[in-house]
Protein backbone atom coordinates (compact mmCIF):
# COMPACT_ATOMS: atom_id res chain seq x y z
CA MET A 1 106.24 117.67 95.92
CA LEU A 2 106.76 114.62 93.61
CA LEU A 3 108.26 116.46 90.70
CA PRO A 4 111.57 118.21 90.73
CA ALA A 5 110.88 122.14 90.47
CA GLU A 6 111.82 122.19 86.78
CA ARG A 7 109.38 119.49 85.70
CA TRP A 8 106.63 121.53 87.81
CA PHE A 9 107.25 124.56 86.09
CA ARG A 10 107.46 123.10 82.53
CA LEU A 11 103.98 120.98 83.37
CA LYS A 12 102.19 124.19 84.27
CA GLU A 13 103.70 126.16 81.19
CA LYS A 14 102.30 123.66 79.10
CA ALA A 15 98.84 123.51 80.99
CA ALA A 16 98.54 127.03 80.49
CA HIS A 17 99.50 126.95 77.05
CA ALA A 18 96.95 123.83 76.47
CA ARG A 19 94.00 126.22 77.86
CA ASP A 20 95.03 128.63 75.22
CA LEU A 21 95.57 126.32 72.21
CA LEU A 22 92.20 124.38 72.86
CA SER A 23 90.19 127.19 74.34
CA ASP A 24 86.98 126.73 72.08
CA ARG A 25 87.48 122.96 71.37
CA VAL A 26 86.51 119.74 73.02
CA VAL A 27 89.10 116.74 73.13
CA TRP A 28 86.95 113.50 73.01
CA ASN A 29 88.49 110.18 73.76
CA VAL A 30 86.35 107.17 72.52
CA SER A 31 87.36 103.67 73.90
CA ALA A 32 85.48 100.29 74.08
CA THR A 33 85.20 99.95 77.75
CA ALA A 34 85.03 102.34 80.89
CA GLU A 35 86.78 99.69 83.47
CA GLY A 36 89.23 96.79 83.35
CA GLY A 37 92.31 97.21 81.75
CA GLY A 38 95.49 99.76 81.08
CA VAL A 39 93.61 102.14 78.54
CA ALA A 40 90.66 102.82 80.75
CA GLU A 41 92.64 103.05 83.75
CA MET A 42 94.92 105.74 81.83
CA LEU A 43 92.00 107.87 80.43
CA HIS A 44 90.77 108.38 83.96
CA THR A 45 93.96 109.85 85.05
CA LEU A 46 94.63 111.87 82.11
CA LEU A 47 91.16 113.23 81.80
CA ALA A 48 91.32 113.95 85.73
CA TYR A 49 94.57 115.97 85.00
CA GLY A 50 93.84 117.45 81.95
CA ARG A 51 90.11 118.97 82.99
CA GLY A 52 91.88 120.35 86.10
CA ALA A 53 94.48 122.06 83.93
CA GLY A 54 91.18 123.71 82.60
CA VAL A 55 91.05 121.79 79.17
CA ASP A 56 87.76 120.16 78.34
CA LEU A 57 88.33 116.78 77.59
CA ARG A 58 85.81 113.99 77.22
CA TRP A 59 85.55 110.47 77.33
CA LEU A 60 82.86 108.19 75.26
CA VAL A 61 82.72 104.40 75.37
CA LEU A 62 80.94 102.63 72.55
CA ASP A 63 78.26 100.27 72.67
CA GLY A 64 79.14 96.73 70.96
CA ASP A 65 77.62 93.25 71.23
CA PRO A 66 79.28 89.84 71.98
CA GLU A 67 80.35 89.41 68.27
CA PHE A 68 81.84 92.82 67.75
CA PHE A 69 83.97 92.16 70.63
CA ALA A 70 85.02 88.59 69.62
CA ILE A 71 85.91 90.25 66.08
CA THR A 72 87.92 92.87 67.71
CA LYS A 73 89.65 90.42 70.12
CA ARG A 74 90.75 88.26 66.79
CA ILE A 75 92.08 91.93 65.76
CA HIS A 76 93.77 92.74 68.74
CA ASN A 77 95.41 89.00 68.68
CA ALA A 78 96.56 89.48 65.38
CA LEU A 79 98.28 92.61 66.04
CA HIS A 80 100.44 90.83 68.65
CA GLY A 81 101.14 87.98 66.11
CA ALA A 82 99.14 85.29 67.51
CA GLU A 83 98.64 82.62 65.01
CA ASP A 84 94.70 82.10 63.54
CA ASP A 85 92.61 80.04 65.26
CA GLY A 86 90.49 79.40 62.39
CA HIS A 87 88.34 82.39 62.89
CA ARG A 88 88.10 84.78 59.51
CA LEU A 89 88.54 88.61 59.35
CA GLY A 90 86.49 88.85 56.17
CA ALA A 91 83.38 90.50 54.48
CA ALA A 92 81.09 89.01 57.20
CA GLU A 93 83.06 90.41 60.18
CA HIS A 94 83.58 94.05 58.18
CA GLU A 95 79.93 94.03 57.72
CA HIS A 96 79.14 93.60 61.66
CA TYR A 97 81.94 95.42 62.72
CA GLU A 98 80.76 98.50 60.47
CA ARG A 99 76.82 98.01 61.59
CA VAL A 100 77.76 98.11 65.18
CA LEU A 101 79.74 101.20 64.76
CA ARG A 102 77.23 102.85 62.82
CA GLY A 103 74.84 102.09 65.77
CA ASN A 104 77.13 104.45 67.78
CA LEU A 105 76.95 106.96 65.29
CA ALA A 106 73.85 108.92 65.86
CA GLU A 107 74.92 110.46 69.28
CA LEU A 108 78.64 110.57 68.34
CA THR A 109 77.96 113.16 65.69
CA THR A 110 75.34 115.30 67.65
CA LEU A 111 78.29 115.71 70.30
CA VAL A 112 81.43 116.50 68.13
CA ARG A 113 81.46 119.85 66.67
CA PRO A 114 83.62 121.19 63.88
CA GLY A 115 87.23 121.64 65.22
CA ASP A 116 87.38 119.44 68.09
CA ILE A 117 89.93 116.98 68.25
CA VAL A 118 88.81 113.18 68.32
CA LEU A 119 91.08 110.45 69.87
CA LEU A 120 90.15 107.11 68.87
CA HIS A 121 91.35 104.10 70.90
CA ASP A 122 92.57 100.80 69.57
CA PRO A 123 90.95 98.60 66.76
CA GLN A 124 87.26 98.91 68.20
CA THR A 125 87.00 102.64 67.43
CA ALA A 126 88.99 102.57 63.83
CA GLY A 127 85.85 102.85 61.74
CA PHE A 128 84.79 106.18 63.01
CA VAL A 129 87.46 108.01 61.31
CA GLU A 130 85.72 108.98 58.19
CA ALA A 131 82.59 110.09 60.02
CA MET A 132 84.43 112.27 62.50
CA HIS A 133 85.98 113.81 59.55
CA ALA A 134 82.79 114.70 57.81
CA VAL A 135 81.50 116.54 61.14
CA GLY A 136 84.87 118.51 60.84
CA ALA A 137 86.98 116.97 63.64
CA HIS A 138 90.64 116.60 63.80
CA VAL A 139 90.97 112.95 64.57
CA VAL A 140 93.84 110.80 65.96
CA TRP A 141 93.86 106.97 66.42
CA ARG A 142 95.74 105.81 69.23
CA CYS A 143 97.01 102.21 69.30
CA HIS A 144 97.68 100.64 72.56
CA ILE A 145 98.97 97.28 70.95
CA GLY A 146 101.59 95.96 68.32
CA ARG A 147 104.49 93.51 67.48
CA ASP A 148 107.81 94.63 66.92
CA ASP A 149 108.40 91.80 64.39
CA PRO A 150 105.67 91.48 61.60
CA THR A 151 104.23 88.25 60.77
CA ALA A 152 101.28 87.01 58.45
CA ALA A 153 99.27 87.64 61.58
CA THR A 154 100.06 91.04 62.00
CA ALA A 155 99.49 91.33 58.33
CA ARG A 156 95.97 90.30 58.57
CA GLY A 157 94.89 92.56 61.18
CA TRP A 158 96.39 95.60 59.74
CA ASP A 159 94.73 94.62 56.39
CA PHE A 160 91.40 94.63 58.28
CA LEU A 161 91.97 98.04 59.75
CA ARG A 162 94.00 99.92 56.89
CA GLY A 163 90.78 101.22 55.08
CA TYR A 164 89.58 102.76 58.23
CA LEU A 165 92.21 104.34 59.37
CA GLN A 166 94.77 105.40 56.32
CA ASP A 167 92.85 109.36 56.19
CA ALA A 168 93.55 109.47 60.11
CA ASP A 169 95.29 112.99 60.76
CA ALA A 170 97.45 111.44 62.97
CA PHE A 171 98.64 108.21 64.80
CA VAL A 172 99.96 107.71 68.25
CA PHE A 173 101.61 104.02 68.87
CA SER A 174 103.26 103.31 72.65
CA ARG A 175 106.51 101.96 70.71
CA ARG A 176 107.59 103.22 67.10
CA ALA A 177 108.21 99.59 66.23
CA TYR A 178 104.53 98.95 66.05
CA VAL A 179 103.86 101.32 63.23
CA PRO A 180 102.75 99.62 60.06
CA THR A 181 104.73 100.54 57.02
CA TRP A 182 101.39 102.03 54.77
CA VAL A 183 101.58 104.84 57.91
CA VAL A 184 102.62 108.05 56.76
CA SER A 185 105.84 108.86 58.89
CA ASP A 186 105.10 112.49 59.60
CA ARG A 187 101.66 111.55 61.10
CA VAL A 188 103.13 109.39 63.71
CA ARG A 189 103.89 110.07 67.09
CA ALA A 190 105.22 107.47 69.86
CA ILE A 191 104.03 108.34 73.14
CA ALA A 192 104.32 105.65 75.87
CA PRO A 193 101.63 105.20 78.82
CA SER A 194 101.92 106.28 82.15
CA ILE A 195 100.70 105.73 85.78
CA ASP A 196 99.42 108.09 88.54
CA PRO A 197 101.47 107.95 91.39
CA PHE A 198 98.29 109.21 93.62
CA SER A 199 95.88 106.93 92.44
CA THR A 200 94.28 104.31 94.45
CA LYS A 201 96.39 101.72 92.85
CA ASN A 202 99.62 103.46 93.21
CA ARG A 203 99.44 105.68 96.62
CA ASP A 204 101.50 104.45 99.11
CA LEU A 205 100.44 101.87 101.68
CA ASP A 206 102.76 100.86 104.65
CA ASP A 207 102.76 97.25 105.47
CA VAL A 208 100.13 97.34 108.26
CA GLU A 209 97.62 98.69 105.56
CA VAL A 210 98.90 96.03 103.08
CA ASP A 211 98.42 93.22 105.51
CA THR A 212 94.83 94.76 106.52
CA VAL A 213 93.91 94.74 102.89
CA LEU A 214 94.96 91.25 101.73
CA ARG A 215 93.84 89.77 105.20
CA GLN A 216 90.14 91.30 104.86
CA VAL A 217 89.72 89.99 101.38
CA GLY A 218 91.41 86.51 102.21
CA LEU A 219 94.26 86.70 99.91
CA ILE A 220 96.67 85.85 102.86
CA ALA A 221 95.88 83.68 105.34
CA GLY A 222 94.05 85.12 109.08
CA ARG A 223 91.28 87.65 109.65
CA ASP A 224 92.72 91.02 110.81
CA ALA A 225 91.31 92.50 114.00
CA SER A 226 91.71 96.14 113.20
CA PRO A 227 89.45 98.02 111.37
CA SER A 228 88.74 97.42 107.57
CA LEU A 229 91.12 99.81 105.78
CA GLU A 230 89.37 103.20 104.10
CA PHE A 231 90.48 104.62 100.86
CA THR A 232 89.56 107.82 98.75
CA ARG A 233 87.73 107.07 95.78
CA ARG A 234 88.07 109.04 92.45
CA ASP A 235 84.99 111.28 93.26
CA GLY A 236 86.72 112.02 96.35
CA THR A 237 84.19 109.90 98.45
CA THR A 238 85.54 107.42 101.12
CA GLY A 239 85.27 103.85 100.60
CA VAL A 240 85.75 100.76 102.88
CA VAL A 241 87.49 97.38 101.50
CA ARG A 242 84.79 94.91 101.88
CA ARG A 243 85.18 91.37 103.44
CA HIS A 244 85.66 88.81 100.57
CA THR A 245 85.86 85.08 101.20
CA HIS A 246 85.94 83.51 97.91
CA LEU A 247 88.71 85.58 95.64
CA LEU A 248 91.01 82.70 95.74
CA SER A 249 90.69 79.31 94.12
CA GLY A 250 91.94 77.75 97.47
CA PRO A 251 93.07 78.56 101.12
CA PRO A 252 95.21 81.33 101.23
CA PRO A 253 98.73 81.78 101.73
CA PRO A 254 100.47 81.92 105.06
CA ALA A 255 100.54 85.21 106.29
CA ASP A 256 104.52 84.69 106.40
CA ALA A 257 104.84 83.34 102.99
CA ARG A 258 106.90 84.86 100.42
CA LEU A 259 104.77 85.55 97.05
CA VAL A 260 105.60 85.60 93.44
CA VAL A 261 102.67 87.51 91.88
CA GLN A 262 101.46 88.14 88.54
CA VAL A 263 98.49 90.61 87.96
CA SER A 264 97.03 90.51 84.54
CA ARG A 265 93.79 90.14 82.56
CA TRP A 266 92.93 86.37 81.67
CA ASP A 267 94.41 86.77 78.37
CA LEU A 268 96.41 84.26 76.57
CA LEU A 269 99.06 86.36 75.55
CA LYS A 270 99.63 87.09 79.38
CA ASP A 271 100.54 83.42 79.68
CA MET A 272 99.19 82.78 83.28
CA ALA A 273 99.48 79.01 82.32
CA GLY A 274 102.80 79.12 81.64
CA VAL A 275 103.79 80.84 84.98
CA LEU A 276 101.80 78.30 86.78
CA SER A 277 103.58 75.38 85.27
CA ALA A 278 106.92 76.73 85.72
CA PHE A 279 106.28 77.75 89.10
CA ALA A 280 104.74 74.29 89.94
CA ASP A 281 107.31 72.28 88.19
CA PHE A 282 110.55 74.29 89.38
CA ILE A 283 110.21 76.41 92.09
CA VAL A 284 107.90 74.34 94.37
CA PRO A 285 110.51 71.70 94.47
CA ALA A 286 113.38 74.05 95.11
CA THR A 287 111.41 76.31 98.07
CA SER A 288 109.58 75.62 101.04
CA ASP A 289 108.02 78.96 101.87
CA VAL A 290 107.11 80.83 98.30
CA HIS A 291 103.57 80.68 96.87
CA LEU A 292 102.34 81.82 93.73
CA ILE A 293 99.43 84.29 92.95
CA LEU A 294 97.96 84.66 89.55
CA ALA A 295 95.73 87.36 90.09
CA GLY A 296 93.22 88.85 87.46
CA PRO A 297 90.08 90.65 87.33
CA ALA A 298 86.69 88.84 87.76
CA VAL A 299 85.65 88.07 84.12
CA ALA A 300 82.30 89.30 84.27
CA GLY A 301 83.78 92.88 84.86
CA VAL A 302 85.45 93.30 81.63
CA SER A 303 83.13 93.77 78.74
CA ASP A 304 85.46 94.07 75.72
CA ASP A 305 87.23 90.66 76.42
CA PRO A 306 85.28 87.07 75.49
CA GLU A 307 88.40 85.16 75.90
CA GLY A 308 88.80 86.23 79.52
CA ALA A 309 86.52 83.18 80.87
CA GLN A 310 87.81 81.00 78.47
CA VAL A 311 91.30 81.36 79.53
CA LEU A 312 90.36 81.27 83.47
CA ALA A 313 88.65 77.95 83.27
CA ALA A 314 91.62 76.87 81.51
CA CYS A 315 94.00 77.74 84.33
CA ARG A 316 91.41 76.50 86.84
CA ALA A 317 91.42 73.13 85.49
CA ALA A 318 95.45 73.10 85.22
CA TRP A 319 95.38 73.92 88.89
CA ALA A 320 92.99 71.47 89.96
CA ARG A 321 95.40 68.91 88.08
CA LEU A 322 98.28 69.99 90.02
CA PRO A 323 99.33 67.23 93.21
CA ASP A 324 97.91 68.36 96.38
CA PRO A 325 101.23 69.50 97.92
CA VAL A 326 101.77 71.77 94.86
CA ARG A 327 98.36 72.98 94.59
CA ALA A 328 98.46 74.28 97.90
CA ARG A 329 100.93 76.70 96.96
CA CYS A 330 99.59 77.92 93.82
CA HIS A 331 96.94 80.44 94.00
CA LEU A 332 94.24 81.89 91.38
CA ALA A 333 92.46 85.28 92.32
CA CYS A 334 89.55 86.74 90.57
CA ILE A 335 89.57 90.67 91.78
CA PRO A 336 86.10 91.93 92.05
CA MET A 337 85.44 94.58 89.31
CA ASP A 338 81.93 96.07 90.57
CA ASP A 339 83.88 98.20 92.83
CA VAL A 340 87.03 99.60 90.62
CA ASP A 341 88.67 101.69 93.28
CA GLU A 342 88.53 98.74 95.94
CA ASN A 343 89.82 96.61 93.11
CA ALA A 344 92.74 99.12 92.61
CA ILE A 345 93.83 99.07 96.29
CA ILE A 346 93.55 95.00 96.47
CA VAL A 347 96.11 95.15 93.39
CA ASN A 348 98.10 97.76 95.34
CA ALA A 349 98.27 95.78 98.34
CA LEU A 350 99.32 92.58 96.03
CA GLN A 351 101.71 94.02 94.42
CA ARG A 352 103.31 96.04 97.46
CA ARG A 353 103.09 92.23 99.34
CA ALA A 354 105.18 90.29 96.37
CA THR A 355 108.63 89.16 97.05
CA VAL A 356 108.86 89.19 93.10
CA VAL A 357 106.50 90.46 90.69
CA VAL A 358 106.36 88.86 87.23
CA GLN A 359 104.67 89.11 83.74
CA LYS A 360 105.53 86.82 81.61
CA SER A 361 103.73 87.72 78.77
CA LEU A 362 104.34 86.24 74.98
CA GLN A 363 103.47 89.79 73.88
CA GLU A 364 102.88 92.83 75.25
CA GLY A 365 101.66 96.41 73.80
CA PHE A 366 103.26 98.27 77.11
CA GLY A 367 102.92 96.86 80.38
CA LEU A 368 101.09 99.03 82.75
CA THR A 369 101.23 96.24 85.60
CA VAL A 370 105.06 96.25 85.06
CA THR A 371 105.17 100.23 85.46
CA GLU A 372 103.15 99.88 88.99
CA ALA A 373 104.94 96.94 90.36
CA MET A 374 108.34 98.96 89.34
CA TRP A 375 106.90 102.15 90.96
CA LYS A 376 106.19 100.08 94.34
CA SER A 377 109.97 99.46 94.21
CA ARG A 378 109.28 95.36 93.61
CA PRO A 379 111.89 93.21 91.87
CA MET A 380 110.71 92.33 88.39
CA LEU A 381 111.32 89.53 86.29
CA ALA A 382 109.36 90.19 82.79
CA SER A 383 109.34 88.75 78.89
CA ALA A 384 111.72 90.90 76.93
CA VAL A 385 108.79 91.74 74.50
CA GLY A 386 106.95 94.96 73.62
CA GLY A 387 106.86 97.83 75.69
CA ILE A 388 108.05 95.89 78.43
CA GLN A 389 111.79 96.38 76.84
CA GLU A 390 110.90 100.09 77.03
CA GLN A 391 110.71 100.30 80.90
CA ILE A 392 113.55 97.60 81.71
CA VAL A 393 117.27 97.15 80.71
CA ASP A 394 118.02 93.59 81.67
CA GLY A 395 119.97 93.66 85.15
CA ARG A 396 119.47 97.34 85.71
CA GLU A 397 115.60 97.80 86.45
CA GLY A 398 114.76 93.99 86.64
CA LEU A 399 115.31 90.88 84.85
CA LEU A 400 113.99 90.09 81.11
CA LEU A 401 113.49 86.80 79.64
CA THR A 402 114.43 86.74 76.12
CA ASP A 403 112.22 83.97 75.20
CA PRO A 404 108.66 84.02 76.98
CA ARG A 405 108.21 80.36 76.35
CA ASP A 406 111.39 79.32 78.08
CA LEU A 407 109.90 78.02 81.18
CA PRO A 408 113.09 76.34 82.84
CA GLY A 409 115.04 79.59 82.03
CA PHE A 410 112.12 81.70 83.34
CA ALA A 411 112.00 79.56 86.67
CA ALA A 412 115.93 79.97 86.81
CA ARG A 413 115.88 83.76 86.92
CA LEU A 414 112.90 83.57 89.24
CA GLN A 415 114.86 81.42 91.80
CA MET A 416 117.82 84.33 91.38
CA LEU A 417 115.79 86.94 92.62
CA LEU A 418 114.39 84.73 95.37
CA ASP A 419 118.04 83.61 96.47
CA ASP A 420 119.49 87.18 96.42
CA PRO A 421 117.54 89.60 98.37
CA ALA A 422 120.21 92.38 98.04
CA MET A 423 119.92 92.15 94.19
CA ALA A 424 116.04 92.28 94.14
CA GLU A 425 116.25 95.43 96.81
CA HIS A 426 118.57 97.18 94.26
CA LEU A 427 116.48 96.23 90.97
CA GLY A 428 113.35 97.27 92.92
CA ARG A 429 114.99 100.61 94.01
CA ALA A 430 116.59 100.94 90.09
CA GLY A 431 112.72 100.41 88.70
CA HIS A 432 111.29 102.58 90.83
CA GLN A 433 113.72 105.42 89.63
CA ARG A 434 112.74 104.63 86.03
CA VAL A 435 109.33 105.09 86.61
CA GLU A 436 110.00 108.58 88.19
CA ASP A 437 111.93 109.54 85.44
CA ASP A 438 109.87 108.33 82.65
CA PHE A 439 106.65 107.20 83.36
CA ILE A 440 104.41 109.45 85.43
CA GLY A 441 101.64 111.67 83.80
CA ASP A 442 103.53 115.14 83.16
CA ARG A 443 105.71 113.55 80.29
CA HIS A 444 102.41 112.21 78.88
CA LEU A 445 100.50 115.07 79.24
CA ILE A 446 103.24 117.45 77.86
CA GLN A 447 103.31 115.18 74.79
CA LEU A 448 99.69 115.23 74.35
CA VAL A 449 99.76 118.88 74.10
CA ASP A 450 102.82 118.97 71.72
CA LEU A 451 100.62 116.45 69.58
CA PHE A 452 97.63 118.82 69.46
CA GLU A 453 99.62 121.91 68.80
CA ASP A 454 101.09 119.96 65.69
CA LEU A 455 97.50 119.05 64.60
CA LEU A 456 95.95 122.39 65.06
CA GLY A 457 99.13 124.42 63.86
CA ALA A 458 97.67 127.59 65.39
CA VAL A 459 97.23 128.89 68.80
CA PRO A 460 93.86 130.48 69.84
CA THR A 461 93.81 133.13 72.38
CA ALA A 462 90.32 132.29 74.44
CA ALA A 463 90.48 130.67 77.49
CA SER A 464 87.78 128.06 79.35
CA GLY A 465 87.48 125.43 81.95
CA LEU A 466 85.14 122.94 82.81
CA THR A 467 84.89 120.58 85.70
CA THR A 468 84.62 116.74 86.81
CA ALA A 469 85.25 113.97 84.01
CA ARG A 470 83.71 111.08 83.54
CA PRO A 471 82.80 108.72 80.49
CA GLY A 472 79.84 108.90 78.44
CA ARG A 473 78.19 106.11 76.41
CA LEU A 474 77.24 106.23 73.09
CA SER A 475 74.24 104.43 72.01
């Protein structure tokens, strides 16, 4: 059993309490996409565990057009403090945003009943608060993004959202520093995200399994002679890792190469281009056997992030400009999204194969890719921004970069980990323990039950239980 006995008993008690508390209610989650990001992955896990405990949790995914997602991406970037790129968040954007959400409401208002709880995730869903109150639901808005120090850009983002959100019954932020001043403090909960240690992305893989996966999909050199690795999907069926030949931008690293890996969306704030530049300029000249893999999703599979293709194109252009010997040690990988369970086991294997995992984000809401790599006992080098600071104490569970734009400083700390395997191993072990202590699902689920209890203020006595959890779709 992963959990110590006292944590297991506490979770069982909370699950029984939740069944009583929520016996005649549905807890609805509404988000922008069913796949391709930390929010979606977390919801898959929380719904599975919640419904397994007998609580009726459901998940709806809104429909939006490209302009809607372009607007919400601007809001996302603004809340992270990214400077305005000339796109306004004015009356026309409000009108389009509201029109798209009105088109989703016909189905949503027929599903949600008085007394239900609705968890709205991130800026895409903020405009549903009023309509959900109108049907008699309790409404919680959960924000997975933010910035510690407010700027003019964050003010623009919050100004757009404030009118939609200020009457929400409760707010959940990943970090208290993200809470804007106009939110009433007694309506706020800080609940950090979590990972599922038993998911395809995080389950144990031995060295042979890691090697089999990465050879099969072409992320390290050589074709494996053993059978393709099988894995268990979320629905309990068996999947097989397919043969891929075009995931990388060039030939794969040698099988014996040391790997520096960053796994992220193709997002400007993840600064994949900065990692590439620092590695090419500083690490390649100082080493002979270290390769870089920047891995992100195939951009067509992430519907709510219109910038992904642009960022990937810019990284590919920068990679193509590198001198041939340098380019041969730098690799861009696009992991397929048409099979999310296969995607998960590829990422799992890649993180486990890494000598060092980096996350050089310019801003970060929380950083579940950091949590995942720490769970796998990988030494981490990450930026001291946002929720990463909740996970890593510099020098204890990993190394932190104070200024994420400091490329020589980033390279120097990366070289420290490459040159000192004993330190790297020590940090990896400590990182794993930190995740086991604080960032797996029991803590997260207990905090949600506490929130629901405060929201409802009473404990019903009836009990009910339903079965499988799958996201629905609003239309």
